């Protein structure tokens, strides 16, 4: 496994990383709220939101991002 040369910039600016962090946060929130016996949304809604966020991360991963890759296109 080889890291990209600008790994720090990718972690700070890539939308895919942001979406994956959001998906992790949603999963943690679902776990915490259900263990406390409280939930604002149904488990199905948390699953749907997490799935949509992961899908957005997948799309963001394959789209060139100027702030990250430095491409002019």
PDB file of N, CA and C in Angstrom:
ATOM      1  N   UNK A   1       0.856  -1.162   0.000  1.00  0.00           N
ATOM      2  CA  UNK A   1       0.000   0.000   0.000  1.00  0.00           C
ATOM      3  C   UNK A   1       0.908   1.233   0.000  1.00  0.00           C
ATOM      4  N   UNK A   2       0.554   2.190  -0.847  1.00  0.00           N
ATOM      5  CA  UNK A   2       1.342   3.404  -0.952  1.00  0.00           C
ATOM      6  C   UNK A   2       0.415   4.611  -0.830  1.00  0.00           C
ATOM      7  N   UNK A   3       0.743   5.543   0.043  1.00  0.00           N
ATOM      8  CA  UNK A   3      -0.062   6.747   0.216  1.00  0.00           C
ATOM      9  C   UNK A   3       0.192   7.727  -0.923  1.00  0.00           C
ATOM     10  N   UNK A   4      -0.798   8.545  -1.221  1.00  0.00           N
ATOM     11  CA  UNK A   4      -0.614   9.604  -2.200  1.00  0.00           C
ATOM     12  C   UNK A   4       0.358  10.623  -1.624  1.00  0.00           C
ATOM     13  N   UNK A   5       1.066  11.360  -2.471  1.00  0.00           N
ATOM     14  CA  UNK A   5       2.061  12.303  -1.957  1.00  0.00           C
ATOM     15  C   UNK A   5       1.469  13.395  -1.063  1.00  0.00           C
ATOM     16  N   UNK A   6       0.234  13.778  -1.311  1.00  0.00           N
ATOM     17  CA  UNK A   6      -0.384  14.860  -0.541  1.00  0.00           C
ATOM     18  C   UNK A   6      -1.466  14.328   0.401  1.00  0.00           C
ATOM     19  N   UNK A   7      -1.139  13.286   1.159  1.00  0.00           N
ATOM     20  CA  UNK A   7      -2.121  12.619   2.012  1.00  0.00           C
ATOM     21  C   UNK A   7      -2.746  13.572   3.035  1.00  0.00           C
ATOM     22  N   UNK A   8      -1.970  14.465   3.593  1.00  0.00           N
ATOM     23  CA  UNK A   8      -2.520  15.414   4.568  1.00  0.00           C
ATOM     24  C   UNK A   8      -3.562  16.325   3.956  1.00  0.00           C
ATOM     25  N   UNK A   9      -3.282  16.787   2.753  1.00  0.00           N
ATOM     26  CA  UNK A   9      -4.231  17.653   2.042  1.00  0.00           C
ATOM     27  C   UNK A   9      -5.506  16.893   1.700  1.00  0.00           C
ATOM     28  N   UNK A  10      -5.351  15.630   1.297  1.00  0.00           N
ATOM     29  CA  UNK A  10      -6.518  14.806   0.964  1.00  0.00           C
ATOM     30  C   UNK A  10      -7.395  14.621   2.194  1.00  0.00           C
ATOM     31  N   UNK A  11      -6.799  14.316   3.315  1.00  0.00           N
ATOM     32  CA  UNK A  11      -7.574  14.091   4.543  1.00  0.00           C
ATOM     33  C   UNK A  11      -8.309  15.365   4.958  1.00  0.00           C
ATOM     34  N   UNK A  12      -7.669  16.513   4.807  1.00  0.00           N
ATOM     35  CA  UNK A  12      -8.291  17.779   5.212  1.00  0.00           C
ATOM     36  C   UNK A  12      -9.350  18.271   4.240  1.00  0.00           C
ATOM     37  N   UNK A  13      -9.215  17.993   2.944  1.00  0.00           N
ATOM     38  CA  UNK A  13     -10.076  18.647   1.959  1.00  0.00           C
ATOM     39  C   UNK A  13     -10.974  17.740   1.133  1.00  0.00           C
ATOM     40  N   UNK A  14     -10.743  16.458   1.096  1.00  0.00           N
ATOM     41  CA  UNK A  14     -11.516  15.565   0.227  1.00  0.00           C
ATOM     42  C   UNK A  14     -12.932  15.362   0.772  1.00  0.00           C
ATOM     43  N   UNK A  15     -13.901  15.538  -0.098  1.00  0.00           N
ATOM     44  CA  UNK A  15     -15.296  15.346   0.303  1.00  0.00           C
ATOM     45  C   UNK A  15     -15.581  13.900   0.664  1.00  0.00           C
ATOM     46  N   UNK A  16     -14.900  12.958   0.047  1.00  0.00           N
ATOM     47  CA  UNK A  16     -15.122  11.553   0.386  1.00  0.00           C
ATOM     48  C   UNK A  16     -14.774  11.292   1.844  1.00  0.00           C
ATOM     49  N   UNK A  17     -13.698  11.894   2.329  1.00  0.00           N
ATOM     50  CA  UNK A  17     -13.306  11.732   3.736  1.00  0.00           C
ATOM     51  C   UNK A  17     -14.354  12.371   4.640  1.00  0.00           C
ATOM     52  N   UNK A  18     -14.842  13.535   4.249  1.00  0.00           N
ATOM     53  CA  UNK A  18     -15.870  14.218   5.044  1.00  0.00           C
ATOM     54  C   UNK A  18     -17.150  13.391   5.122  1.00  0.00           C
ATOM     55  N   UNK A  19     -17.571  12.837   3.978  1.00  0.00           N
ATOM     56  CA  UNK A  19     -18.787  12.024   3.973  1.00  0.00           C
ATOM     57  C   UNK A  19     -18.617  10.755   4.801  1.00  0.00           C
ATOM     58  N   UNK A  20     -17.455  10.128   4.725  1.00  0.00           N
ATOM     59  CA  UNK A  20     -17.222   8.926   5.524  1.00  0.00           C
ATOM     60  C   UNK A  20     -17.185   9.248   7.017  1.00  0.00           C
ATOM     61  N   UNK A  21     -16.649  10.400   7.384  1.00  0.00           N
ATOM     62  CA  UNK A  21     -16.671  10.817   8.788  1.00  0.00           C
ATOM     63  C   UNK A  21     -18.110  11.053   9.245  1.00  0.00           C
ATOM     64  N   UNK A  22     -18.921  11.657   8.385  1.00  0.00           N
ATOM     65  CA  UNK A  22     -20.335  11.870   8.705  1.00  0.00           C
ATOM     66  C   UNK A  22     -21.063  10.536   8.867  1.00  0.00           C
ATOM     67  N   UNK A  23     -20.772   9.580   7.989  1.00  0.00           N
ATOM     68  CA  UNK A  23     -21.396   8.260   8.104  1.00  0.00           C
ATOM     69  C   UNK A  23     -21.011   7.588   9.419  1.00  0.00           C
ATOM     70  N   UNK A  24     -19.755   7.713   9.799  1.00  0.00           N
ATOM     71  CA  UNK A  24     -19.316   7.165  11.088  1.00  0.00           C
ATOM     72  C   UNK A  24     -20.013   7.844  12.249  1.00  0.00           C
ATOM     73  N   UNK A  25     -20.172   9.157  12.156  1.00  0.00           N
ATOM     74  CA  UNK A  25     -20.883   9.899  13.198  1.00  0.00           C
ATOM     75  C   UNK A  25     -22.337   9.487  13.311  1.00  0.00           C
ATOM     76  N   UNK A  26     -22.991   9.282  12.160  1.00  0.00           N
ATOM     77  CA  UNK A  26     -24.389   8.829  12.189  1.00  0.00           C
ATOM     78  C   UNK A  26     -24.511   7.445  12.822  1.00  0.00           C
ATOM     79  N   UNK A  27     -23.582   6.560  12.497  1.00  0.00           N
ATOM     80  CA  UNK A  27     -23.609   5.220  13.096  1.00  0.00           C
ATOM     81  C   UNK A  27     -23.406   5.296  14.607  1.00  0.00           C
ATOM     82  N   UNK A  28     -22.472   6.131  15.036  1.00  0.00           N
ATOM     83  CA  UNK A  28     -22.231   6.294  16.473  1.00  0.00           C
ATOM     84  C   UNK A  28     -23.442   6.906  17.161  1.00  0.00           C
ATOM     85  N   UNK A  29     -24.054   7.906  16.538  1.00  0.00           N
ATOM     86  CA  UNK A  29     -25.242   8.546  17.107  1.00  0.00           C
ATOM     87  C   UNK A  29     -26.385   7.551  17.255  1.00  0.00           C
ATOM     88  N   UNK A  30     -26.572   6.722  16.237  1.00  0.00           N
ATOM     89  CA  UNK A  30     -27.623   5.698  16.310  1.00  0.00           C
ATOM     90  C   UNK A  30     -27.372   4.765  17.488  1.00  0.00           C
ATOM     91  N   UNK A  31     -26.145   4.314  17.643  1.00  0.00           N
ATOM     92  CA  UNK A  31     -25.803   3.398  18.738  1.00  0.00           C
ATOM     93  C   UNK A  31     -26.017   4.062  20.099  1.00  0.00           C
ATOM     94  N   UNK A  32     -25.530   5.285  20.249  1.00  0.00           N
ATOM     95  CA  UNK A  32     -25.628   5.994  21.535  1.00  0.00           C
ATOM     96  C   UNK A  32     -27.083   6.242  21.912  1.00  0.00           C
ATOM     97  N   UNK A  33     -27.874   6.751  20.973  1.00  0.00           N
ATOM     98  CA  UNK A  33     -29.271   7.063  21.279  1.00  0.00           C
ATOM     99  C   UNK A  33     -30.081   5.809  21.580  1.00  0.00           C
ATOM    100  N   UNK A  34     -29.831   4.738  20.849  1.00  0.00           N
ATOM    101  CA  UNK A  34     -30.574   3.505  21.116  1.00  0.00           C
ATOM    102  C   UNK A  34     -30.160   2.876  22.441  1.00  0.00           C
ATOM    103  N   UNK A  35     -28.893   3.011  22.816  1.00  0.00           N
ATOM    104  CA  UNK A  35     -28.473   2.442  24.098  1.00  0.00           C
ATOM    105  C   UNK A  35     -29.021   3.262  25.268  1.00  0.00           C
ATOM    106  N   UNK A  36     -29.316   4.542  25.032  1.00  0.00           N
ATOM    107  CA  UNK A  36     -29.918   5.385  26.061  1.00  0.00           C
ATOM    108  C   UNK A  36     -31.443   5.232  26.092  1.00  0.00           C
ATOM    109  N   UNK A  37     -31.974   4.511  25.129  1.00  0.00           N
ATOM    110  CA  UNK A  37     -33.416   4.313  25.076  1.00  0.00           C
ATOM    111  C   UNK A  37     -34.151   5.453  24.402  1.00  0.00           C
ATOM    112  N   UNK A  38     -33.423   6.356  23.794  1.00  0.00           N
ATOM    113  CA  UNK A  38     -34.039   7.481  23.107  1.00  0.00           C
ATOM    114  C   UNK A  38     -33.629   7.443  21.640  1.00  0.00           C
ATOM    115  N   UNK A  39     -34.533   7.864  20.797  1.00  0.00           N
ATOM    116  CA  UNK A  39     -34.204   7.952  19.389  1.00  0.00           C
ATOM    117  C   UNK A  39     -35.173   8.916  18.725  1.00  0.00           C
ATOM    118  N   UNK A  40     -34.623   9.841  17.957  1.00  0.00           N
ATOM    119  CA  UNK A  40     -35.458  10.802  17.258  1.00  0.00           C
ATOM    120  C   UNK A  40     -35.963  10.242  15.933  1.00  0.00           C
ATOM    121  N   UNK A  41     -35.229   9.283  15.398  1.00  0.00           N
ATOM    122  CA  UNK A  41     -35.578   8.665  14.122  1.00  0.00           C
ATOM    123  C   UNK A  41     -35.684   7.158  14.308  1.00  0.00           C
ATOM    124  N   UNK A  42     -36.336   6.524  13.364  1.00  0.00           N
ATOM    125  CA  UNK A  42     -36.414   5.065  13.413  1.00  0.00           C
ATOM    126  C   UNK A  42     -35.069   4.476  12.992  1.00  0.00           C
ATOM    127  N   UNK A  43     -34.796   3.234  13.388  1.00  0.00           N
ATOM    128  CA  UNK A  43     -33.544   2.592  12.957  1.00  0.00           C
ATOM    129  C   UNK A  43     -33.416   2.553  11.436  1.00  0.00           C
ATOM    130  N   UNK A  44     -34.526   2.398  10.744  1.00  0.00           N
ATOM    131  CA  UNK A  44     -34.507   2.374   9.282  1.00  0.00           C
ATOM    132  C   UNK A  44     -34.022   3.724   8.725  1.00  0.00           C
ATOM    133  N   UNK A  45     -34.425   4.826   9.363  1.00  0.00           N
ATOM    134  CA  UNK A  45     -34.012   6.157   8.906  1.00  0.00           C
ATOM    135  C   UNK A  45     -32.509   6.339   9.100  1.00  0.00           C
ATOM    136  N   UNK A  46     -31.954   5.887  10.229  1.00  0.00           N
ATOM    137  CA  UNK A  46     -30.514   5.982  10.438  1.00  0.00           C
ATOM    138  C   UNK A  46     -29.767   5.167   9.378  1.00  0.00           C
ATOM    139  N   UNK A  47     -30.268   3.975   9.097  1.00  0.00           N
ATOM    140  CA  UNK A  47     -29.637   3.128   8.088  1.00  0.00           C
ATOM    141  C   UNK A  47     -29.687   3.789   6.718  1.00  0.00           C
ATOM    142  N   UNK A  48     -30.818   4.378   6.380  1.00  0.00           N
ATOM    143  CA  UNK A  48     -30.953   5.064   5.098  1.00  0.00           C
ATOM    144  C   UNK A  48     -30.006   6.258   5.010  1.00  0.00           C
ATOM    145  N   UNK A  49     -29.939   7.076   6.060  1.00  0.00           N
ATOM    146  CA  UNK A  49     -29.039   8.232   6.059  1.00  0.00           C
ATOM    147  C   UNK A  49     -27.575   7.807   5.944  1.00  0.00           C
ATOM    148  N   UNK A  50     -27.206   6.768   6.657  1.00  0.00           N
ATOM    149  CA  UNK A  50     -25.836   6.277   6.596  1.00  0.00           C
ATOM    150  C   UNK A  50     -25.524   5.739   5.208  1.00  0.00           C
ATOM    151  N   UNK A  51     -26.441   4.989   4.621  1.00  0.00           N
ATOM    152  CA  UNK A  51     -26.245   4.458   3.266  1.00  0.00           C
ATOM    153  C   UNK A  51     -26.114   5.557   2.228  1.00  0.00           C
ATOM    154  N   UNK A  52     -26.958   6.581   2.323  1.00  0.00           N
ATOM    155  CA  UNK A  52     -26.877   7.701   1.390  1.00  0.00           C
ATOM    156  C   UNK A  52     -25.551   8.451   1.544  1.00  0.00           C
ATOM    157  N   UNK A  53     -25.094   8.604   2.771  1.00  0.00           N
ATOM    158  CA  UNK A  53     -23.835   9.294   3.017  1.00  0.00           C
ATOM    159  C   UNK A  53     -22.659   8.499   2.452  1.00  0.00           C
ATOM    160  N   UNK A  54     -22.678   7.186   2.618  1.00  0.00           N
ATOM    161  CA  UNK A  54     -21.618   6.345   2.060  1.00  0.00           C
ATOM    162  C   UNK A  54     -21.660   6.380   0.535  1.00  0.00           C
ATOM    163  N   UNK A  55     -22.854   6.402  -0.044  1.00  0.00           N
ATOM    164  CA  UNK A  55     -22.983   6.538  -1.499  1.00  0.00           C
ATOM    165  C   UNK A  55     -22.413   7.859  -1.984  1.00  0.00           C
ATOM    166  N   UNK A  56     -22.669   8.930  -1.250  1.00  0.00           N
ATOM    167  CA  UNK A  56     -22.115  10.240  -1.604  1.00  0.00           C
ATOM    168  C   UNK A  56     -20.595  10.218  -1.505  1.00  0.00           C
ATOM    169  N   UNK A  57     -20.064   9.515  -0.518  1.00  0.00           N
ATOM    170  CA  UNK A  57     -18.608   9.406  -0.381  1.00  0.00           C
ATOM    171  C   UNK A  57     -18.015   8.664  -1.567  1.00  0.00           C
ATOM    172  N   UNK A  58     -18.697   7.636  -2.042  1.00  0.00           N
ATOM    173  CA  UNK A  58     -18.225   6.885  -3.206  1.00  0.00           C
ATOM    174  C   UNK A  58     -18.170   7.788  -4.432  1.00  0.00           C
ATOM    175  N   UNK A  59     -19.223   8.553  -4.656  1.00  0.00           N
ATOM    176  CA  UNK A  59     -19.251   9.469  -5.800  1.00  0.00           C
ATOM    177  C   UNK A  59     -18.164  10.531  -5.647  1.00  0.00           C
ATOM    178  N   UNK A  60     -18.025  11.096  -4.463  1.00  0.00           N
ATOM    179  CA  UNK A  60     -17.013  12.124  -4.229  1.00  0.00           C
ATOM    180  C   UNK A  60     -15.606  11.575  -4.432  1.00  0.00           C
ATOM    181  N   UNK A  61     -15.424  10.302  -4.167  1.00  0.00           N
ATOM    182  CA  UNK A  61     -14.094   9.691  -4.306  1.00  0.00           C
ATOM    183  C   UNK A  61     -13.654   9.618  -5.757  1.00  0.00           C
ATOM    184  N   UNK A  62     -14.590   9.433  -6.683  1.00  0.00           N
ATOM    185  CA  UNK A  62     -14.201   9.275  -8.086  1.00  0.00           C
ATOM    186  C   UNK A  62     -14.278  10.576  -8.885  1.00  0.00           C
ATOM    187  N   UNK A  63     -14.772  11.645  -8.280  1.00  0.00           N
ATOM    188  CA  UNK A  63     -14.852  12.941  -8.946  1.00  0.00           C
ATOM    189  C   UNK A  63     -13.594  13.745  -8.607  1.00  0.00           C
ATOM    190  N   UNK A  64     -12.955  14.326  -9.623  1.00  0.00           N
ATOM    191  CA  UNK A  64     -11.763  15.142  -9.385  1.00  0.00           C
ATOM    192  C   UNK A  64     -12.139  16.390  -8.604  1.00  0.00           C
ATOM    193  N   UNK A  65     -11.374  16.682  -7.578  1.00  0.00           N
ATOM    194  CA  UNK A  65     -11.606  17.852  -6.742  1.00  0.00           C
ATOM    195  C   UNK A  65     -10.380  18.756  -6.826  1.00  0.00           C
ATOM    196  N   UNK A  66     -10.554  19.961  -7.344  1.00  0.00           N
ATOM    197  CA  UNK A  66      -9.434  20.883  -7.557  1.00  0.00           C
ATOM    198  C   UNK A  66      -8.632  21.145  -6.292  1.00  0.00           C
ATOM    199  N   UNK A  67      -9.289  21.313  -5.179  1.00  0.00           N
ATOM    200  CA  UNK A  67      -8.585  21.619  -3.930  1.00  0.00           C
ATOM    201  C   UNK A  67      -7.704  20.482  -3.453  1.00  0.00           C
ATOM    202  N   UNK A  68      -7.968  19.288  -3.962  1.00  0.00           N
ATOM    203  CA  UNK A  68      -7.211  18.123  -3.515  1.00  0.00           C
ATOM    204  C   UNK A  68      -6.204  17.682  -4.560  1.00  0.00           C
ATOM    205  N   UNK A  69      -6.678  17.484  -5.793  1.00  0.00           N
ATOM    206  CA  UNK A  69      -5.813  16.934  -6.822  1.00  0.00           C
ATOM    207  C   UNK A  69      -4.997  17.973  -7.565  1.00  0.00           C
ATOM    208  N   UNK A  70      -5.444  19.238  -7.530  1.00  0.00           N
ATOM    209  CA  UNK A  70      -4.715  20.286  -8.214  1.00  0.00           C
ATOM    210  C   UNK A  70      -4.997  20.367  -9.690  1.00  0.00           C
ATOM    211  N   UNK A  71      -5.961  19.586 -10.177  1.00  0.00           N
ATOM    212  CA  UNK A  71      -6.316  19.618 -11.597  1.00  0.00           C
ATOM    213  C   UNK A  71      -7.023  20.919 -11.934  1.00  0.00           C
ATOM    214  N   UNK A  72      -6.817  21.401 -13.145  1.00  0.00           N
ATOM    215  CA  UNK A  72      -7.462  22.626 -13.591  1.00  0.00           C
ATOM    216  C   UNK A  72      -8.784  22.375 -14.281  1.00  0.00           C
ATOM    217  N   UNK A  73      -9.143  21.133 -14.493  1.00  0.00           N
ATOM    218  CA  UNK A  73     -10.385  20.804 -15.203  1.00  0.00           C
ATOM    219  C   UNK A  73     -11.580  20.837 -14.299  1.00  0.00           C
TER     220      UNK A  73
END
